[in-house]
Amino acid sequence: MKRPTRRDFLKSAAAGSLAAPAILRAHELERQAPPAPGPRVRLALIGAGGQGSSDTRTAVRVPGVELVAVADIYDGRLARAKEVWGSQVATTRDYREVLARSDVDAVIIGTPDHWHARIATEAMKAGKDVYVEKPMVQKIDEGLGVVAAARETGRILQVGSQRVSSIIYAKARELYRSGAIGELNMVEAWINRNSALGAWQYTIPPDASPQTVDWDRFLGNAPTRPFEAVRLFRWRNYRDYGTGIPGDLFVHLFTGIHYVLGAIGPTRVMATGGLRFWNDGRDVPDVMLGLYDYPKTASHPAFTMSLRVNFADGSGGSEGFRFIGDSGVLTIGGPGVTLSRKPRPKDPGYSIDTFPLALQQQILDEHRAMYPPQNAVSETSDEVYSPPPGYSDQYDHFVTFVNAVRSRTPVTEDATFGFRAAAPALLTNDSYFERAAIAWDPEGMRRVRT
C-alpha cells in the first residue's frame, strides 16, 4: 500500500475544489450632514504655528465662523496672520488679552503641548469654548483638572484629533459593532515617515531673536534657559515642551481606536525604542513601539494592541490600522476602510507522517469521511468603503465643534475622552524613560503604583 502523505491529501483536496479569488466590492461613503445654521461664531487662535494655522484655515470655511484675534509669541506669525486673514484681525503676544475680549466666543489652542492644559482651563473659566490640539495635556497630573474645569464651567471642549468626526472611522465603528470581524483579539497601528519635516525638522526663521520672540512667555512653567530658536520652532523634539512621538502621533491612534471600539483605555503600557537617526540635539526617540493590554468590557473583548512609529523608514511614509478578529480584519488606510473576510476552513487538516502506515490510513479514511472534498470553497471577500473626492475629516471635526458651540450639545471628544486618549500616550513615554511596564486605571483615569 502506498504511504499517504500530506501532499497526496492536498492533491486530492485540490481535485475536488476550486480556489475562488477574492471578490472586491467598492462603496463610496456619504458625507457628514452640512453644518446646522445658527448665529455667528467669533473665533480666536492662540498659537499660530503650523497646526494652529491649519486648524484656523479649516475652521473659517465653516459657514458663520469669523476669526477676530490671534495670539502668538513670535512677531512674524502675527504679521502673517494679518496677511492671511486681514488687517482687521487683532494680534497680540499675550493670550490673556484674547481671553479678555468680549467678542471672542471660542478659541483654538495650537500652542506647544506644555501650554495646553493651562490655557484651556483659563479659557473655559473666561467663558470661552475651546478647541485644543492634541494631546489635551502634557502631563498626567494635569488631566483631571481640565476635566473638572470643563464640567464646572459648562463650556464646550473638543480635542483636535479629527478621527472621531471622520466618516471613515464611523464606518469602521459600524462594521465592528455589526460583528463583521467576529471577536476582536488584536489591534495594530503604525505611522512611518522618512523626511526631515516628518521628523519635525521645521524651518527656523532667520529673524528669530529675543527681540522678535517673547521667550519667557514661551517657556512658561518649563525650565528657565537662554534663548534658543531651535527649541521654539522645533519644540516637539524636547521633553520640556512637547510629548515626543506618543503625544504627537500615538494619541491620534488611541483616539481612533477608542472611537471605533468604544474603549476607554488599557490597563498596562509597555514601550521601547530609541534615537536612531535624527541625532540633532533632540531628547526624544525617533523610533517608538508600544504594547498595550485592554481589558474585557461591554463593548469589546480583552485584546492586545501594538503601535509603531519610525522616523527613518527607508520604505517611505505609510500609515494604517488593522482591527483583527477571528473571522475578518478591518483595515483603515489607503482608500478608506477595508473589510476583509476569509472564513476559517471547517476542515482542520491533519499531521500523520510520524505514525505507522496502518494508523495513517485509518486516520486518513476517518478524516475523509468526516470532511469529504468539497466542490467549492468559501471565497475571500474585500469590501472597500472610500470617502468622496476632496473629503476632509478636519473640516468635519470643526463642523462638529461649531454645531456644539451653537447648540450646547456635548461632543464625543470632550475632556474625558481627550484625557483617556492622551494618558496612555503619555504613559508610553513614562514606560520608555523608566524602562518599566506601567499599570493604568482607565476608569478612574489614574496611574496605579505597584
Protein backbone atom coordinates (compact mmCIF):
# COMPACT_ATOMS: atom_id res chain seq x y z
CA MET A 1 0.00 0.00 0.00
CA LYS A 2 1.38 3.43 -0.97
CA ARG A 3 2.18 5.58 2.05
CA PRO A 4 -0.27 8.53 2.15
CA THR A 5 1.40 11.89 2.61
CA ARG A 6 0.28 15.45 3.19
CA ARG A 7 0.99 16.17 -0.49
CA ASP A 8 -1.33 13.33 -1.51
CA PHE A 9 -4.06 14.79 0.63
CA LEU A 10 -3.61 18.26 -0.80
CA LYS A 11 -3.75 16.87 -4.33
CA SER A 12 -6.97 15.01 -3.62
CA ALA A 13 -8.49 18.08 -1.98
CA ALA A 14 -7.50 20.30 -4.89
CA ALA A 15 -9.02 17.89 -7.38
CA GLY A 16 -12.43 18.32 -5.83
CA SER A 17 -12.39 22.08 -5.23
CA LEU A 18 -11.63 25.33 -6.97
CA ALA A 19 -9.92 28.15 -5.12
CA ALA A 20 -12.04 31.25 -5.59
CA PRO A 21 -10.29 34.62 -5.98
CA ALA A 22 -11.05 37.49 -3.63
CA ILE A 23 -14.17 39.43 -4.52
CA LEU A 24 -13.86 43.20 -4.26
CA ARG A 25 -16.87 45.35 -3.53
CA ALA A 26 -16.37 49.12 -3.62
CA HIS A 27 -18.61 51.63 -1.86
CA GLU A 28 -18.48 55.42 -1.55
CA LEU A 29 -19.25 56.80 1.88
CA GLU A 30 -21.74 59.62 2.28
CA ARG A 31 -20.54 62.96 3.57
CA GLN A 32 -21.49 64.20 7.02
CA ALA A 33 -24.58 66.41 7.13
CA PRO A 34 -23.80 70.10 6.43
CA PRO A 35 -23.34 72.40 9.42
CA ALA A 36 -26.51 73.49 11.17
CA PRO A 37 -27.44 77.14 10.58
CA GLY A 38 -27.05 79.39 13.56
CA PRO A 39 -25.54 82.56 14.96
CA ARG A 40 -22.09 83.74 14.01
CA VAL A 41 -19.23 82.12 15.94
CA ARG A 42 -16.37 84.52 16.63
CA LEU A 43 -13.10 82.64 16.91
CA ALA A 44 -9.61 83.43 18.19
CA LEU A 45 -6.39 81.50 17.56
CA ILE A 46 -3.83 81.07 20.33
CA GLY A 47 -0.61 79.68 18.88
CA ALA A 48 -0.29 80.40 15.15
CA GLY A 49 2.23 77.71 14.24
CA GLY A 50 1.72 75.11 11.56
CA GLN A 51 -1.08 73.15 13.23
CA GLY A 52 -2.89 76.14 14.71
CA SER A 53 -2.86 77.94 11.36
CA SER A 54 -4.07 74.82 9.55
CA ASP A 55 -6.90 74.47 12.06
CA THR A 56 -7.91 78.09 11.58
CA ARG A 57 -7.89 77.92 7.79
CA THR A 58 -10.26 74.97 8.07
CA ALA A 59 -12.45 76.49 10.79
CA VAL A 60 -13.21 79.69 8.86
CA ARG A 61 -14.53 77.59 5.97
CA VAL A 62 -17.47 76.58 8.18
CA PRO A 63 -20.36 78.97 7.39
CA GLY A 64 -20.83 81.61 10.05
CA VAL A 65 -17.34 81.37 11.56
CA GLU A 66 -15.23 84.53 11.79
CA LEU A 67 -11.66 84.97 13.04
CA VAL A 68 -11.32 88.07 15.23
CA ALA A 69 -8.00 87.70 17.07
CA VAL A 70 -4.66 85.84 17.05
CA ALA A 71 -2.09 85.44 19.83
CA ASP A 72 1.45 84.18 19.28
CA ILE A 73 4.83 84.82 20.89
CA TYR A 74 6.67 85.30 17.55
CA ASP A 75 6.08 88.61 15.77
CA GLY A 76 6.50 87.04 12.33
CA ARG A 77 3.47 84.83 12.85
CA LEU A 78 1.37 87.77 13.99
CA ALA A 79 2.32 89.62 10.80
CA ARG A 80 1.48 86.53 8.75
CA ALA A 81 -1.93 86.25 10.44
CA LYS A 82 -2.87 89.69 9.12
CA GLU A 83 -1.62 88.78 5.65
CA VAL A 84 -3.79 85.65 5.60
CA TRP A 85 -6.94 86.75 7.44
CA GLY A 86 -6.93 90.53 7.06
CA SER A 87 -5.72 93.64 8.84
CA GLN A 88 -8.93 93.73 10.90
CA VAL A 89 -7.74 90.70 12.92
CA ALA A 90 -6.40 91.81 16.30
CA THR A 91 -2.99 90.41 17.21
CA THR A 92 -1.09 90.14 20.49
CA ARG A 93 1.75 88.28 22.13
CA ASP A 94 -0.32 87.80 25.31
CA TYR A 95 -3.08 85.17 25.04
CA ARG A 96 -4.74 86.64 28.14
CA GLU A 97 -5.74 89.68 26.07
CA VAL A 98 -7.63 87.32 23.75
CA LEU A 99 -9.43 85.67 26.68
CA ALA A 100 -10.47 89.09 27.98
CA ARG A 101 -12.18 90.09 24.73
CA SER A 102 -15.97 90.12 24.79
CA ASP A 103 -16.16 89.48 21.03
CA VAL A 104 -14.48 86.04 21.28
CA ASP A 105 -16.86 83.08 21.60
CA ALA A 106 -14.33 80.27 21.22
CA VAL A 107 -10.60 79.71 20.92
CA ILE A 108 -8.34 77.31 19.05
CA ILE A 109 -5.30 76.38 21.14
CA GLY A 110 -2.40 75.47 18.87
CA THR A 111 0.45 76.16 21.28
CA PRO A 112 3.23 73.78 22.30
CA ASP A 113 1.93 70.94 24.47
CA HIS A 114 3.14 72.36 27.79
CA TRP A 115 0.64 75.22 27.47
CA HIS A 116 -2.46 73.19 26.53
CA ALA A 117 -3.90 72.47 29.97
CA ARG A 118 -3.28 75.94 31.40
CA ILE A 119 -4.72 77.93 28.51
CA ALA A 120 -7.68 75.56 28.05
CA THR A 121 -8.60 75.88 31.73
CA GLU A 122 -8.23 79.66 31.75
CA ALA A 123 -10.24 79.95 28.54
CA MET A 124 -13.15 77.93 29.92
CA LYS A 125 -13.13 79.97 33.12
CA ALA A 126 -13.22 83.10 30.95
CA GLY A 127 -16.43 81.84 29.33
CA LYS A 128 -14.89 80.65 26.05
CA ASP A 129 -15.48 77.33 24.30
CA VAL A 130 -12.27 75.52 23.47
CA TYR A 131 -10.82 73.56 20.58
CA VAL A 132 -7.48 72.35 21.95
CA GLU A 133 -4.92 70.48 19.91
CA LYS A 134 -3.85 67.01 20.95
CA PRO A 135 -2.60 65.86 23.34
CA MET A 136 -5.02 67.62 25.67
CA VAL A 137 -2.38 67.69 28.41
CA GLN A 138 1.39 67.33 28.58
CA LYS A 139 1.45 65.64 31.97
CA ILE A 140 -0.81 63.02 33.54
CA ASP A 141 -1.43 65.12 36.66
CA GLU A 142 -2.98 67.90 34.53
CA GLY A 143 -5.76 65.74 33.11
CA LEU A 144 -8.33 65.59 35.88
CA GLY A 145 -8.04 69.35 36.38
CA VAL A 146 -9.06 70.02 32.77
CA VAL A 147 -11.90 67.50 33.08
CA ALA A 148 -13.12 69.27 36.23
CA ALA A 149 -12.87 72.72 34.64
CA ALA A 150 -15.00 71.62 31.69
CA ARG A 151 -17.61 70.12 34.00
CA GLU A 152 -17.72 73.11 36.37
CA THR A 153 -17.86 75.81 33.68
CA GLY A 154 -20.21 74.01 31.32
CA ARG A 155 -18.11 75.09 28.35
CA ILE A 156 -17.60 73.01 25.21
CA LEU A 157 -14.13 71.49 24.99
CA GLN A 158 -13.18 69.43 21.94
CA VAL A 159 -9.74 67.94 21.41
CA GLY A 160 -8.31 68.27 17.92
CA SER A 161 -7.91 64.66 16.85
CA GLN A 162 -10.35 64.62 13.97
CA ARG A 163 -10.84 60.87 13.61
CA VAL A 164 -13.90 60.90 15.87
CA SER A 165 -15.68 63.07 13.27
CA SER A 166 -14.47 61.08 10.25
CA ILE A 167 -16.96 59.22 8.08
CA ILE A 168 -14.22 56.61 7.55
CA TYR A 169 -13.89 55.84 11.25
CA ALA A 170 -17.66 56.00 11.68
CA LYS A 171 -17.96 53.27 9.04
CA ALA A 172 -15.27 51.20 10.75
CA ARG A 173 -17.16 51.52 14.03
CA GLU A 174 -20.42 50.47 12.35
CA LEU A 175 -18.76 47.42 10.80
CA TYR A 176 -17.09 46.42 14.05
CA ARG A 177 -20.30 46.74 16.05
CA SER A 178 -22.18 44.66 13.47
CA GLY A 179 -19.84 41.74 14.21
CA ALA A 180 -18.20 41.89 10.78
CA ILE A 181 -14.83 40.61 12.01
CA GLY A 182 -16.09 38.28 14.71
CA GLU A 183 -14.41 38.53 18.11
CA LEU A 184 -11.58 41.05 18.24
CA ASN A 185 -8.24 39.74 19.51
CA MET A 186 -5.63 42.29 18.40
CA VAL A 187 -5.22 45.83 17.06
CA GLU A 188 -2.12 47.15 15.35
CA ALA A 189 -1.39 50.61 14.01
CA TRP A 190 1.63 52.35 12.58
CA ILE A 191 2.90 55.64 11.19
CA ASN A 192 6.17 55.66 9.24
CA ARG A 193 7.99 58.71 7.93
CA ASN A 194 11.21 59.28 6.04
CA SER A 195 11.66 63.02 5.68
CA ALA A 196 13.13 65.92 7.65
CA LEU A 197 9.78 67.67 8.01
CA GLY A 198 8.16 64.39 9.02
CA ALA A 199 10.75 64.22 11.81
CA TRP A 200 9.88 67.77 12.96
CA GLN A 201 12.92 69.47 11.39
CA TYR A 202 10.91 72.61 10.76
CA THR A 203 12.35 75.78 9.22
CA ILE A 204 13.74 78.35 11.68
CA PRO A 205 13.14 81.94 10.51
CA PRO A 206 16.37 83.98 10.25
CA ASP A 207 14.87 86.91 12.18
CA ALA A 208 14.12 84.83 15.29
CA SER A 209 15.71 86.65 18.23
CA PRO A 210 14.90 87.81 21.77
CA GLN A 211 13.53 90.96 20.12
CA THR A 212 11.05 89.21 17.84
CA VAL A 213 10.16 86.38 20.26
CA ASP A 214 8.64 86.57 23.74
CA TRP A 215 10.95 83.86 25.06
CA ASP A 216 9.84 83.99 28.69
CA ARG A 217 6.22 83.55 27.67
CA PHE A 218 7.16 80.58 25.51
CA LEU A 219 8.96 78.91 28.42
CA GLY A 220 6.05 79.33 30.82
CA ASN A 221 6.48 76.67 33.51
CA ALA A 222 9.27 74.90 31.62
CA PRO A 223 12.82 75.16 33.00
CA THR A 224 14.44 78.57 32.54
CA ARG A 225 17.17 78.69 29.90
CA PRO A 226 18.71 81.20 27.48
CA PHE A 227 17.04 81.90 24.15
CA GLU A 228 17.42 79.12 21.55
CA ALA A 229 15.37 79.50 18.41
CA VAL A 230 15.58 75.77 17.69
CA ARG A 231 13.71 74.99 20.89
CA LEU A 232 10.82 77.23 19.88
CA PHE A 233 10.44 76.28 16.23
CA ARG A 234 11.22 72.59 16.77
CA TRP A 235 9.70 72.27 20.23
CA ARG A 236 8.31 68.78 19.54
CA ASN A 237 11.87 67.46 19.83
CA TYR A 238 12.18 68.40 23.52
CA ARG A 239 10.54 66.91 26.58
CA ASP A 240 10.32 70.33 28.27
CA TYR A 241 7.66 71.49 25.79
CA GLY A 242 6.37 68.50 23.83
CA THR A 243 5.42 64.88 24.31
CA GLY A 244 7.51 63.17 21.63
CA ILE A 245 6.15 60.55 19.27
CA PRO A 246 3.49 59.22 21.68
CA GLY A 247 1.91 62.61 22.42
CA ASP A 248 2.11 63.86 18.85
CA LEU A 249 1.20 60.70 16.94
CA PHE A 250 0.22 57.77 19.17
CA VAL A 251 -2.54 59.95 20.62
CA HIS A 252 -4.19 60.07 17.18
CA LEU A 253 -4.06 56.29 17.07
CA PHE A 254 -5.55 55.95 20.56
CA THR A 255 -8.31 58.36 19.60
CA GLY A 256 -9.27 56.38 16.50
CA ILE A 257 -9.09 53.04 18.28
CA HIS A 258 -11.14 54.20 21.26
CA TYR A 259 -13.77 55.69 18.96
CA VAL A 260 -14.14 52.59 16.79
CA LEU A 261 -14.24 50.13 19.70
CA GLY A 262 -15.88 52.20 22.43
CA ALA A 263 -12.74 51.56 24.51
CA ILE A 264 -11.60 53.82 27.35
CA GLY A 265 -8.01 52.70 27.70
CA PRO A 266 -5.50 49.99 28.53
CA THR A 267 -4.58 48.61 31.94
CA ARG A 268 -0.92 48.02 31.10
CA VAL A 269 1.54 50.03 28.98
CA MET A 270 4.97 48.90 27.77
CA ALA A 271 7.33 50.74 25.43
CA THR A 272 10.70 50.58 23.77
CA GLY A 273 12.53 52.44 21.03
CA GLY A 274 15.43 54.81 20.70
CA LEU A 275 17.11 57.72 18.96
CA ARG A 276 18.45 56.05 15.83
CA PHE A 277 18.84 58.63 13.08
CA TRP A 278 17.80 62.20 13.91
CA ASN A 279 20.67 62.99 16.27
CA ASP A 280 20.11 66.73 16.09
CA GLY A 281 20.13 67.53 19.81
CA ARG A 282 16.60 66.29 20.47
CA ASP A 283 15.96 64.39 23.68
CA VAL A 284 13.06 62.20 22.46
CA PRO A 285 13.26 58.99 20.39
CA ASP A 286 12.69 58.84 16.65
CA VAL A 287 11.60 55.18 16.83
CA MET A 288 8.90 54.12 19.30
CA LEU A 289 6.98 50.89 19.81
CA GLY A 290 4.23 50.45 22.37
CA LEU A 291 2.30 47.42 23.60
CA TYR A 292 -0.98 47.77 25.47
CA ASP A 293 -3.30 45.36 27.26
CA TYR A 294 -7.01 46.25 27.09
CA PRO A 295 -9.41 44.50 29.47
CA LYS A 296 -12.73 42.99 28.52
CA THR A 297 -15.66 45.45 28.61
CA ALA A 298 -19.26 45.51 27.42
CA SER A 299 -18.14 46.91 24.04
CA HIS A 300 -15.14 44.70 23.31
CA PRO A 301 -13.31 41.57 24.49
CA ALA A 302 -9.85 41.69 26.01
CA PHE A 303 -7.27 42.42 23.32
CA THR A 304 -3.66 43.40 22.79
CA MET A 305 -2.62 46.47 20.82
CA SER A 306 0.69 47.39 19.21
CA LEU A 307 1.64 50.88 17.98
CA ARG A 308 4.72 51.77 15.98
CA VAL A 309 6.29 54.96 14.63
CA ASN A 310 9.59 55.17 12.74
CA PHE A 311 11.03 58.48 11.54
CA ALA A 312 13.72 56.84 9.39
CA ASP A 313 11.74 54.24 7.50
CA GLY A 314 13.61 53.66 4.25
CA SER A 315 10.49 52.28 2.57
CA GLY A 316 8.88 55.73 2.74
CA GLY A 317 5.85 57.01 4.56
CA SER A 318 2.87 54.89 5.45
CA GLU A 319 0.07 54.82 7.99
CA GLY A 320 -2.61 52.33 8.87
CA PHE A 321 -4.73 50.42 11.36
CA ARG A 322 -5.73 46.76 11.49
CA PHE A 323 -8.50 45.51 13.75
CA ILE A 324 -8.02 41.74 13.74
CA GLY A 325 -10.88 39.40 14.58
CA ASP A 326 -11.33 35.66 14.42
CA SER A 327 -13.29 35.85 11.15
CA GLY A 328 -12.15 39.07 9.49
CA VAL A 329 -9.94 42.15 9.53
CA LEU A 330 -10.80 45.84 9.36
CA THR A 331 -8.05 47.95 7.82
CA ILE A 332 -8.08 51.75 7.85
CA GLY A 333 -5.69 53.44 5.45
CA GLY A 334 -5.14 53.98 1.76
CA PRO A 335 -8.54 54.23 0.08
CA GLY A 336 -10.57 54.30 3.31
CA VAL A 337 -11.73 51.36 5.39
CA THR A 338 -11.49 47.80 4.07
CA LEU A 339 -13.33 44.80 5.47
CA SER A 340 -11.58 41.54 4.59
CA ARG A 341 -13.29 38.25 5.34
CA LYS A 342 -11.71 34.85 4.96
CA PRO A 343 -13.84 32.27 6.75
CA ARG A 344 -11.92 29.73 8.77
CA PRO A 345 -11.97 26.35 6.92
CA LYS A 346 -14.10 23.66 8.51
CA ASP A 347 -11.50 21.02 7.66
CA PRO A 348 -8.79 21.30 10.37
CA GLY A 349 -6.28 19.23 8.37
CA TYR A 350 -4.07 16.58 9.91
CA SER A 351 -0.45 15.59 10.53
CA ILE A 352 0.20 11.86 10.28
CA ASP A 353 3.66 11.33 8.77
CA THR A 354 5.23 10.18 12.05
CA PHE A 355 2.60 7.45 12.69
CA PRO A 356 2.74 3.82 11.48
CA LEU A 357 1.38 3.34 7.94
CA ALA A 358 -1.67 1.39 9.00
CA LEU A 359 -2.61 4.04 11.52
CA GLN A 360 -2.04 6.76 8.92
CA GLN A 361 -4.50 5.10 6.58
CA GLN A 362 -7.08 4.68 9.34
CA ILE A 363 -6.81 8.36 10.26
CA LEU A 364 -6.98 9.39 6.61
CA ASP A 365 -10.09 7.30 5.96
CA GLU A 366 -11.84 8.68 9.04
CA HIS A 367 -10.84 12.21 8.12
CA ARG A 368 -12.19 11.95 4.58
CA ALA A 369 -15.43 10.52 5.89
CA MET A 370 -15.84 13.43 8.24
CA TYR A 371 -14.55 16.12 5.83
CA PRO A 372 -15.23 14.98 2.25
CA PRO A 373 -13.59 17.03 -0.54
CA GLN A 374 -15.79 19.96 -1.49
CA ASN A 375 -16.62 21.13 -4.97
CA ALA A 376 -16.21 24.74 -3.88
CA VAL A 377 -14.54 26.62 -1.09
CA SER A 378 -15.66 29.70 0.77
CA GLU A 379 -14.47 32.79 -1.00
CA THR A 380 -12.41 35.61 0.45
CA SER A 381 -14.19 38.94 0.08
CA ASP A 382 -12.97 42.51 0.47
CA GLU A 383 -15.31 45.45 0.84
CA VAL A 384 -13.74 48.89 0.47
CA TYR A 385 -15.53 51.99 1.74
CA SER A 386 -13.94 55.17 0.40
CA PRO A 387 -14.66 58.83 1.14
CA PRO A 388 -15.79 61.10 -1.70
CA PRO A 389 -13.13 63.11 -3.57
CA GLY A 390 -11.81 66.07 -1.59
CA TYR A 391 -13.14 64.79 1.72
CA SER A 392 -11.65 66.41 4.86
CA ASP A 393 -12.20 64.93 8.30
CA GLN A 394 -10.56 68.06 9.75
CA TYR A 395 -13.41 70.12 8.27
CA ASP A 396 -15.99 67.71 9.66
CA HIS A 397 -14.35 67.96 13.09
CA PHE A 398 -14.79 71.72 13.04
CA VAL A 399 -18.38 71.34 11.88
CA THR A 400 -18.90 69.15 14.97
CA PHE A 401 -17.30 71.81 17.17
CA VAL A 402 -19.20 74.76 15.70
CA ASN A 403 -22.53 72.91 15.93
CA ALA A 404 -21.80 72.18 19.60
CA VAL A 405 -20.91 75.82 20.29
CA ARG A 406 -24.22 76.89 18.78
CA SER A 407 -26.45 74.19 20.25
CA ARG A 408 -24.58 73.48 23.54
CA THR A 409 -24.78 69.76 22.79
CA PRO A 410 -21.89 67.58 24.05
CA VAL A 411 -19.13 66.45 21.71
CA THR A 412 -17.62 62.96 21.53
CA GLU A 413 -14.02 64.05 22.03
CA ASP A 414 -14.62 66.02 25.20
CA ALA A 415 -12.19 66.47 28.11
CA THR A 416 -12.75 62.96 29.46
CA PHE A 417 -12.32 61.31 26.05
CA GLY A 418 -9.32 63.54 25.36
CA PHE A 419 -7.62 62.61 28.62
CA ARG A 420 -8.26 58.91 28.11
CA ALA A 421 -6.56 59.15 24.71
CA ALA A 422 -3.70 61.31 25.96
CA ALA A 423 -2.96 59.34 29.12
CA PRO A 424 -1.79 56.05 27.56
CA ALA A 425 0.30 58.06 25.10
CA LEU A 426 1.99 59.93 27.94
CA LEU A 427 2.44 56.69 29.86
CA THR A 428 4.24 55.30 26.81
CA ASN A 429 6.89 57.97 27.37
CA ASP A 430 7.00 57.11 31.07
CA SER A 431 7.45 53.42 30.28
CA TYR A 432 10.24 54.18 27.83
CA PHE A 433 12.20 56.50 30.12
CA GLU A 434 11.56 54.46 33.27
CA ARG A 435 12.26 51.17 31.45
CA ALA A 436 9.27 49.53 33.09
CA ALA A 437 5.73 48.37 32.41
CA ILE A 438 3.13 50.77 33.82
CA ALA A 439 -0.30 49.98 35.22
CA TRP A 440 -3.19 52.34 34.45
CA ASP A 441 -6.76 52.59 35.72
CA PRO A 442 -8.73 53.75 32.65
CA GLU A 443 -12.00 54.12 34.56
CA GLY A 444 -10.57 56.27 37.37
CA MET A 445 -8.02 57.84 34.99
CA ARG A 446 -5.04 57.41 37.30
CA ARG A 447 -1.71 55.64 37.29
CA VAL A 448 -1.60 52.57 39.50
CA ARG A 449 1.57 52.33 41.58
CA THR A 450 2.61 48.74 42.15
